[in-house]
């Protein structure tokens, strides 16, 4: 399972988004947080900015929709240029139908879980998804401290993915840094969203490379990865 590093544009300079996207050359995806000030207490950017970003960078866009009514809005973000769209389990009315619609439009379908939302009730839905996002902070704001209590949940999610023989990705988002990424990788994550750890660095591209190296080293010795 290849390690992927997804810098979060939420931590970038919004007055220079095209340049900030270019500054993380070598990243696997550019993570874009869409917040509506309803599902989470913050307001970020919407479809016009996503369309502009998709034209400004060759790095595929990994959309994280922290919004109400994702069933209504998520398909439009695929049309706006997203290569992967994540909706929240807590907000989706019909997650299976939504995942299938996202896939039918040509993007990867992903579902996110808030810290207090368990994975177990969604076990039967996993084959419908390309990725599962375990939030390691409460969604809504960047720069929060990593919640160590999410590590067992990451392990349980990886166990369920392996149990069903799925090739889906397991993403973590929130407080991912040089101090926490190895623990996440050891627990079973293979896709890492990093905001301030990348855009707060003097050389964002070098920060991406360093985080990737750390995660790859941890994954190589992780018990969950030994069979891959």
C-alpha atoms as a PDB file:
ATOM      1  CA  UNK A   1       0.000   0.000   0.000  1.00  0.00           C
ATOM      2  CA  UNK A   2       1.683   3.212  -1.165  1.00  0.00           C
ATOM      3  CA  UNK A   3       1.923   6.106   1.281  1.00  0.00           C
ATOM      4  CA  UNK A   4       0.232   9.295   0.062  1.00  0.00           C
ATOM      5  CA  UNK A   5       0.750  12.824   1.366  1.00  0.00           C
ATOM      6  CA  UNK A   6      -2.060  15.331   0.791  1.00  0.00           C
ATOM      7  CA  UNK A   7      -1.201  18.923   1.800  1.00  0.00           C
ATOM      8  CA  UNK A   8      -4.224  20.860   3.026  1.00  0.00           C
ATOM      9  CA  UNK A   9      -4.802  24.120   1.194  1.00  0.00           C
ATOM     10  CA  UNK A  10      -6.688  25.363   4.278  1.00  0.00           C
ATOM     11  CA  UNK A  11      -3.285  26.180   5.785  1.00  0.00           C
ATOM     12  CA  UNK A  12      -2.037  27.994   2.679  1.00  0.00           C
ATOM     13  CA  UNK A  13      -2.128  31.706   1.835  1.00  0.00           C
ATOM     14  CA  UNK A  14      -5.561  32.159   0.209  1.00  0.00           C
ATOM     15  CA  UNK A  15      -4.370  35.255  -1.652  1.00  0.00           C
ATOM     16  CA  UNK A  16      -1.835  33.097  -3.547  1.00  0.00           C
ATOM     17  CA  UNK A  17      -3.624  29.784  -4.036  1.00  0.00           C
ATOM     18  CA  UNK A  18      -2.107  28.976  -7.436  1.00  0.00           C
ATOM     19  CA  UNK A  19       1.432  29.561  -6.142  1.00  0.00           C
ATOM     20  CA  UNK A  20       0.706  27.660  -2.938  1.00  0.00           C
ATOM     21  CA  UNK A  21      -0.545  24.699  -4.956  1.00  0.00           C
ATOM     22  CA  UNK A  22       2.668  24.770  -6.993  1.00  0.00           C
ATOM     23  CA  UNK A  23       4.755  24.946  -3.804  1.00  0.00           C
ATOM     24  CA  UNK A  24       3.856  21.356  -2.886  1.00  0.00           C
ATOM     25  CA  UNK A  25       4.961  19.752  -6.132  1.00  0.00           C
ATOM     26  CA  UNK A  26       5.467  16.054  -5.473  1.00  0.00           C
ATOM     27  CA  UNK A  27       2.376  15.725  -3.285  1.00  0.00           C
ATOM     28  CA  UNK A  28      -0.077  13.010  -4.275  1.00  0.00           C
ATOM     29  CA  UNK A  29      -3.212  15.112  -3.897  1.00  0.00           C
ATOM     30  CA  UNK A  30      -4.119  18.646  -2.867  1.00  0.00           C
ATOM     31  CA  UNK A  31      -6.596  18.434   0.025  1.00  0.00           C
ATOM     32  CA  UNK A  32      -9.351  21.037  -0.169  1.00  0.00           C
ATOM     33  CA  UNK A  33     -11.653  21.632   2.824  1.00  0.00           C
ATOM     34  CA  UNK A  34     -15.118  22.895   1.948  1.00  0.00           C
ATOM     35  CA  UNK A  35     -16.996  24.183   5.026  1.00  0.00           C
ATOM     36  CA  UNK A  36     -20.461  25.722   5.032  1.00  0.00           C
ATOM     37  CA  UNK A  37     -20.718  27.275   8.528  1.00  0.00           C
ATOM     38  CA  UNK A  38     -23.596  24.882   9.248  1.00  0.00           C
ATOM     39  CA  UNK A  39     -22.198  21.363   9.503  1.00  0.00           C
ATOM     40  CA  UNK A  40     -19.071  22.901  11.054  1.00  0.00           C
ATOM     41  CA  UNK A  41     -18.664  26.369  12.632  1.00  0.00           C
ATOM     42  CA  UNK A  42     -16.467  27.760   9.890  1.00  0.00           C
ATOM     43  CA  UNK A  43     -16.823  28.985   6.317  1.00  0.00           C
ATOM     44  CA  UNK A  44     -14.098  28.378   3.754  1.00  0.00           C
ATOM     45  CA  UNK A  45     -14.461  28.092  -0.004  1.00  0.00           C
ATOM     46  CA  UNK A  46     -16.904  26.717  -2.540  1.00  0.00           C
ATOM     47  CA  UNK A  47     -17.307  25.472  -6.056  1.00  0.00           C
ATOM     48  CA  UNK A  48     -15.887  28.491  -7.978  1.00  0.00           C
ATOM     49  CA  UNK A  49     -12.585  28.270  -6.070  1.00  0.00           C
ATOM     50  CA  UNK A  50     -12.426  24.512  -6.663  1.00  0.00           C
ATOM     51  CA  UNK A  51     -12.937  25.103 -10.385  1.00  0.00           C
ATOM     52  CA  UNK A  52     -10.138  27.681 -10.397  1.00  0.00           C
ATOM     53  CA  UNK A  53      -7.784  25.424  -8.439  1.00  0.00           C
ATOM     54  CA  UNK A  54      -8.388  22.503 -10.781  1.00  0.00           C
ATOM     55  CA  UNK A  55      -7.300  24.685 -13.691  1.00  0.00           C
ATOM     56  CA  UNK A  56      -4.297  26.105 -11.809  1.00  0.00           C
ATOM     57  CA  UNK A  57      -2.627  22.855 -10.720  1.00  0.00           C
ATOM     58  CA  UNK A  58      -1.807  19.470 -12.161  1.00  0.00           C
ATOM     59  CA  UNK A  59      -2.075  17.895  -8.708  1.00  0.00           C
ATOM     60  CA  UNK A  60      -5.432  16.123  -8.365  1.00  0.00           C
ATOM     61  CA  UNK A  61      -7.884  17.620  -5.877  1.00  0.00           C
ATOM     62  CA  UNK A  62      -8.999  15.684  -2.794  1.00  0.00           C
ATOM     63  CA  UNK A  63     -12.212  17.392  -1.662  1.00  0.00           C
ATOM     64  CA  UNK A  64     -13.369  17.101   1.951  1.00  0.00           C
ATOM     65  CA  UNK A  65     -16.953  18.314   2.206  1.00  0.00           C
ATOM     66  CA  UNK A  66     -17.769  19.437   5.731  1.00  0.00           C
ATOM     67  CA  UNK A  67     -21.225  20.541   4.661  1.00  0.00           C
ATOM     68  CA  UNK A  68     -24.888  19.778   5.167  1.00  0.00           C
ATOM     69  CA  UNK A  69     -26.780  18.070   2.332  1.00  0.00           C
ATOM     70  CA  UNK A  70     -23.749  16.466   0.637  1.00  0.00           C
ATOM     71  CA  UNK A  71     -26.201  14.304  -1.322  1.00  0.00           C
ATOM     72  CA  UNK A  72     -27.259  17.492  -3.104  1.00  0.00           C
ATOM     73  CA  UNK A  73     -23.881  19.179  -3.522  1.00  0.00           C
ATOM     74  CA  UNK A  74     -21.151  16.527  -3.773  1.00  0.00           C
ATOM     75  CA  UNK A  75     -21.724  15.500  -7.422  1.00  0.00           C
ATOM     76  CA  UNK A  76     -21.231  19.101  -8.506  1.00  0.00           C
ATOM     77  CA  UNK A  77     -17.753  19.120  -7.012  1.00  0.00           C
ATOM     78  CA  UNK A  78     -16.782  16.252  -9.298  1.00  0.00           C
ATOM     79  CA  UNK A  79     -17.906  18.363 -12.233  1.00  0.00           C
ATOM     80  CA  UNK A  80     -15.889  21.260 -10.783  1.00  0.00           C
ATOM     81  CA  UNK A  81     -12.717  19.181 -11.093  1.00  0.00           C
ATOM     82  CA  UNK A  82     -12.343  17.069  -7.952  1.00  0.00           C
ATOM     83  CA  UNK A  83     -10.655  13.692  -8.372  1.00  0.00           C
ATOM     84  CA  UNK A  84     -11.812  12.470  -4.970  1.00  0.00           C
ATOM     85  CA  UNK A  85     -14.817  13.624  -2.964  1.00  0.00           C
ATOM     86  CA  UNK A  86     -15.286  12.903   0.739  1.00  0.00           C
ATOM     87  CA  UNK A  87     -18.668  13.374   2.390  1.00  0.00           C
ATOM     88  CA  UNK A  88     -19.435  12.976   6.094  1.00  0.00           C
ATOM     89  CA  UNK A  89     -21.372   9.960   7.328  1.00  0.00           C
ATOM     90  CA  UNK A  90     -23.103  12.228   9.826  1.00  0.00           C
ATOM     91  CA  UNK A  91     -24.474  14.472   7.049  1.00  0.00           C
ATOM     92  CA  UNK A  92     -25.330  12.105   4.208  1.00  0.00           C
ATOM     93  CA  UNK A  93     -28.929  10.979   3.854  1.00  0.00           C
ATOM     94  CA  UNK A  94     -28.146   8.083   1.513  1.00  0.00           C
ATOM     95  CA  UNK A  95     -24.395   7.348   1.647  1.00  0.00           C
ATOM     96  CA  UNK A  96     -24.427   4.324  -0.654  1.00  0.00           C
ATOM     97  CA  UNK A  97     -26.377   6.122  -3.354  1.00  0.00           C
ATOM     98  CA  UNK A  98     -24.123   9.174  -2.998  1.00  0.00           C
ATOM     99  CA  UNK A  99     -20.916   7.122  -3.210  1.00  0.00           C
ATOM    100  CA  UNK A 100     -22.201   5.417  -6.350  1.00  0.00           C
ATOM    101  CA  UNK A 101     -23.114   8.755  -7.909  1.00  0.00           C
ATOM    102  CA  UNK A 102     -19.668  10.193  -7.185  1.00  0.00           C
ATOM    103  CA  UNK A 103     -18.028   7.125  -8.723  1.00  0.00           C
ATOM    104  CA  UNK A 104     -20.344   7.232 -11.749  1.00  0.00           C
ATOM    105  CA  UNK A 105     -19.220  10.797 -12.417  1.00  0.00           C
ATOM    106  CA  UNK A 106     -15.592   9.652 -12.485  1.00  0.00           C
ATOM    107  CA  UNK A 107     -14.191  10.517  -9.056  1.00  0.00           C
ATOM    108  CA  UNK A 108     -13.136   8.436  -6.081  1.00  0.00           C
ATOM    109  CA  UNK A 109     -15.801   8.231  -3.369  1.00  0.00           C
ATOM    110  CA  UNK A 110     -14.821   8.651   0.254  1.00  0.00           C
ATOM    111  CA  UNK A 111     -16.664   8.882   3.564  1.00  0.00           C
ATOM    112  CA  UNK A 112     -15.454  10.723   6.667  1.00  0.00           C
ATOM    113  CA  UNK A 113     -16.171  10.007  10.324  1.00  0.00           C
ATOM    114  CA  UNK A 114     -16.001  12.575  13.117  1.00  0.00           C
ATOM    115  CA  UNK A 115     -14.007  11.511  16.192  1.00  0.00           C
ATOM    116  CA  UNK A 116     -17.121  10.393  18.113  1.00  0.00           C
ATOM    117  CA  UNK A 117     -18.584   8.408  15.186  1.00  0.00           C
ATOM    118  CA  UNK A 118     -17.708   4.690  15.337  1.00  0.00           C
ATOM    119  CA  UNK A 119     -16.688   2.761  12.236  1.00  0.00           C
ATOM    120  CA  UNK A 120     -18.524  -0.465  13.074  1.00  0.00           C
ATOM    121  CA  UNK A 121     -22.056   0.593  11.954  1.00  0.00           C
ATOM    122  CA  UNK A 122     -20.640   1.355   8.502  1.00  0.00           C
ATOM    123  CA  UNK A 123     -18.811  -1.927   7.942  1.00  0.00           C
ATOM    124  CA  UNK A 124     -21.245  -3.113   5.268  1.00  0.00           C
ATOM    125  CA  UNK A 125     -20.796   0.148   3.335  1.00  0.00           C
ATOM    126  CA  UNK A 126     -17.026  -0.165   2.939  1.00  0.00           C
ATOM    127  CA  UNK A 127     -17.115  -1.955  -0.451  1.00  0.00           C
ATOM    128  CA  UNK A 128     -18.948   1.070  -1.865  1.00  0.00           C
ATOM    129  CA  UNK A 129     -16.058   3.387  -0.986  1.00  0.00           C
ATOM    130  CA  UNK A 130     -12.594   4.079  -2.368  1.00  0.00           C
ATOM    131  CA  UNK A 131     -11.387   5.697   0.860  1.00  0.00           C
ATOM    132  CA  UNK A 132     -12.426   6.109   4.487  1.00  0.00           C
ATOM    133  CA  UNK A 133     -11.357   9.242   6.375  1.00  0.00           C
ATOM    134  CA  UNK A 134     -10.894   9.023  10.134  1.00  0.00           C
ATOM    135  CA  UNK A 135     -10.846  12.542  11.556  1.00  0.00           C
ATOM    136  CA  UNK A 136      -8.129  12.927  14.194  1.00  0.00           C
ATOM    137  CA  UNK A 137      -9.469  16.324  15.314  1.00  0.00           C
ATOM    138  CA  UNK A 138     -12.969  17.760  15.453  1.00  0.00           C
ATOM    139  CA  UNK A 139     -13.671  19.056  11.926  1.00  0.00           C
ATOM    140  CA  UNK A 140     -13.974  22.767  11.331  1.00  0.00           C
ATOM    141  CA  UNK A 141     -10.610  24.395  11.985  1.00  0.00           C
ATOM    142  CA  UNK A 142      -6.985  23.856  11.001  1.00  0.00           C
ATOM    143  CA  UNK A 143      -4.074  23.780  13.414  1.00  0.00           C
ATOM    144  CA  UNK A 144      -5.709  21.623  16.094  1.00  0.00           C
ATOM    145  CA  UNK A 145      -3.801  19.159  18.260  1.00  0.00           C
ATOM    146  CA  UNK A 146      -3.848  15.504  17.213  1.00  0.00           C
ATOM    147  CA  UNK A 147      -6.241  13.275  19.194  1.00  0.00           C
ATOM    148  CA  UNK A 148      -4.279  10.190  20.265  1.00  0.00           C
ATOM    149  CA  UNK A 149      -7.520   8.478  21.281  1.00  0.00           C
ATOM    150  CA  UNK A 150      -8.275   8.028  17.570  1.00  0.00           C
ATOM    151  CA  UNK A 151      -5.416   5.546  17.061  1.00  0.00           C
ATOM    152  CA  UNK A 152      -7.477   2.513  18.178  1.00  0.00           C
ATOM    153  CA  UNK A 153     -10.231   3.571  15.759  1.00  0.00           C
ATOM    154  CA  UNK A 154      -7.695   3.717  12.923  1.00  0.00           C
ATOM    155  CA  UNK A 155      -6.568   0.193  13.850  1.00  0.00           C
ATOM    156  CA  UNK A 156     -10.146  -1.110  13.924  1.00  0.00           C
ATOM    157  CA  UNK A 157     -10.861   0.455  10.558  1.00  0.00           C
ATOM    158  CA  UNK A 158      -7.762  -1.116   9.028  1.00  0.00           C
ATOM    159  CA  UNK A 159      -8.803  -4.482  10.465  1.00  0.00           C
ATOM    160  CA  UNK A 160     -12.225  -4.189   8.826  1.00  0.00           C
ATOM    161  CA  UNK A 161     -10.673  -3.227   5.487  1.00  0.00           C
ATOM    162  CA  UNK A 162      -8.382  -6.268   5.673  1.00  0.00           C
ATOM    163  CA  UNK A 163     -11.231  -8.514   6.845  1.00  0.00           C
ATOM    164  CA  UNK A 164     -13.169  -7.780   3.655  1.00  0.00           C
ATOM    165  CA  UNK A 165     -10.105  -7.928   1.403  1.00  0.00           C
ATOM    166  CA  UNK A 166     -10.635  -4.365   0.191  1.00  0.00           C
ATOM    167  CA  UNK A 167      -8.089  -2.186  -1.574  1.00  0.00           C
ATOM    168  CA  UNK A 168      -9.550   1.041  -0.219  1.00  0.00           C
ATOM    169  CA  UNK A 169      -7.383   3.783   1.248  1.00  0.00           C
ATOM    170  CA  UNK A 170      -7.481   4.865   4.896  1.00  0.00           C
ATOM    171  CA  UNK A 171      -6.952   8.591   5.357  1.00  0.00           C
ATOM    172  CA  UNK A 172      -6.274  10.591   8.517  1.00  0.00           C
ATOM    173  CA  UNK A 173      -6.823  14.324   8.817  1.00  0.00           C
ATOM    174  CA  UNK A 174      -6.077  16.580  11.778  1.00  0.00           C
ATOM    175  CA  UNK A 175      -2.849  17.329  13.614  1.00  0.00           C
ATOM    176  CA  UNK A 176      -0.747  15.191  11.268  1.00  0.00           C
ATOM    177  CA  UNK A 177       2.892  16.224  11.612  1.00  0.00           C
ATOM    178  CA  UNK A 178       6.412  14.862  12.018  1.00  0.00           C
ATOM    179  CA  UNK A 179       5.481  14.074  15.628  1.00  0.00           C
ATOM    180  CA  UNK A 180       2.311  12.081  14.835  1.00  0.00           C
ATOM    181  CA  UNK A 181       2.526  10.633  11.312  1.00  0.00           C
ATOM    182  CA  UNK A 182       4.471   7.509  12.306  1.00  0.00           C
ATOM    183  CA  UNK A 183       1.856   6.543  14.900  1.00  0.00           C
ATOM    184  CA  UNK A 184      -0.886   6.971  12.300  1.00  0.00           C
ATOM    185  CA  UNK A 185       0.983   4.823   9.791  1.00  0.00           C
ATOM    186  CA  UNK A 186       1.679   2.127  12.357  1.00  0.00           C
ATOM    187  CA  UNK A 187      -2.032   2.060  13.235  1.00  0.00           C
ATOM    188  CA  UNK A 188      -3.052   1.521   9.612  1.00  0.00           C
ATOM    189  CA  UNK A 189      -3.392   4.834   7.788  1.00  0.00           C
ATOM    190  CA  UNK A 190      -1.847   5.173   4.336  1.00  0.00           C
ATOM    191  CA  UNK A 191      -3.138   8.613   3.219  1.00  0.00           C
ATOM    192  CA  UNK A 192      -2.114  11.605   5.334  1.00  0.00           C
ATOM    193  CA  UNK A 193      -3.571  15.108   5.237  1.00  0.00           C
ATOM    194  CA  UNK A 194      -1.074  17.655   6.540  1.00  0.00           C
ATOM    195  CA  UNK A 195      -1.818  21.361   6.773  1.00  0.00           C
ATOM    196  CA  UNK A 196       0.395  23.525   8.965  1.00  0.00           C
ATOM    197  CA  UNK A 197       3.094  20.829   8.995  1.00  0.00           C
ATOM    198  CA  UNK A 198       3.528  21.485   5.262  1.00  0.00           C
ATOM    199  CA  UNK A 199       2.494  25.077   4.663  1.00  0.00           C
ATOM    200  CA  UNK A 200       4.030  26.261   7.909  1.00  0.00           C
ATOM    201  CA  UNK A 201       7.425  24.932   6.812  1.00  0.00           C
ATOM    202  CA  UNK A 202      10.041  27.078   5.110  1.00  0.00           C
ATOM    203  CA  UNK A 203      10.100  24.623   2.187  1.00  0.00           C
ATOM    204  CA  UNK A 204       6.667  22.978   1.769  1.00  0.00           C
ATOM    205  CA  UNK A 205       7.855  20.533  -0.888  1.00  0.00           C
ATOM    206  CA  UNK A 206      10.692  19.352   1.373  1.00  0.00           C
ATOM    207  CA  UNK A 207       8.181  18.947   4.217  1.00  0.00           C
ATOM    208  CA  UNK A 208       6.076  16.681   1.975  1.00  0.00           C
ATOM    209  CA  UNK A 209       9.137  14.542   1.194  1.00  0.00           C
ATOM    210  CA  UNK A 210      10.121  14.296   4.864  1.00  0.00           C
ATOM    211  CA  UNK A 211       6.625  13.286   5.970  1.00  0.00           C
ATOM    212  CA  UNK A 212       6.471  10.682   3.205  1.00  0.00           C
ATOM    213  CA  UNK A 213       9.785   9.187   4.302  1.00  0.00           C
ATOM    214  CA  UNK A 214       8.630   8.972   7.917  1.00  0.00           C
ATOM    215  CA  UNK A 215       5.346   7.315   6.966  1.00  0.00           C
ATOM    216  CA  UNK A 216       7.039   4.853   4.602  1.00  0.00           C
ATOM    217  CA  UNK A 217       9.498   3.791   7.307  1.00  0.00           C
ATOM    218  CA  UNK A 218       6.709   3.279   9.833  1.00  0.00           C
ATOM    219  CA  UNK A 219       4.549   1.389   7.322  1.00  0.00           C
ATOM    220  CA  UNK A 220       7.384  -0.954   6.378  1.00  0.00           C
ATOM    221  CA  UNK A 221       7.517  -2.283   9.939  1.00  0.00           C
ATOM    222  CA  UNK A 222       3.780  -2.125  10.690  1.00  0.00           C
ATOM    223  CA  UNK A 223       2.071  -5.455  11.376  1.00  0.00           C
ATOM    224  CA  UNK A 224      -0.967  -4.549   9.216  1.00  0.00           C
ATOM    225  CA  UNK A 225       1.214  -3.976   6.146  1.00  0.00           C
ATOM    226  CA  UNK A 226       3.233  -7.172   6.342  1.00  0.00           C
ATOM    227  CA  UNK A 227       0.802  -9.049   4.131  1.00  0.00           C
ATOM    228  CA  UNK A 228       0.848  -6.427   1.355  1.00  0.00           C
END
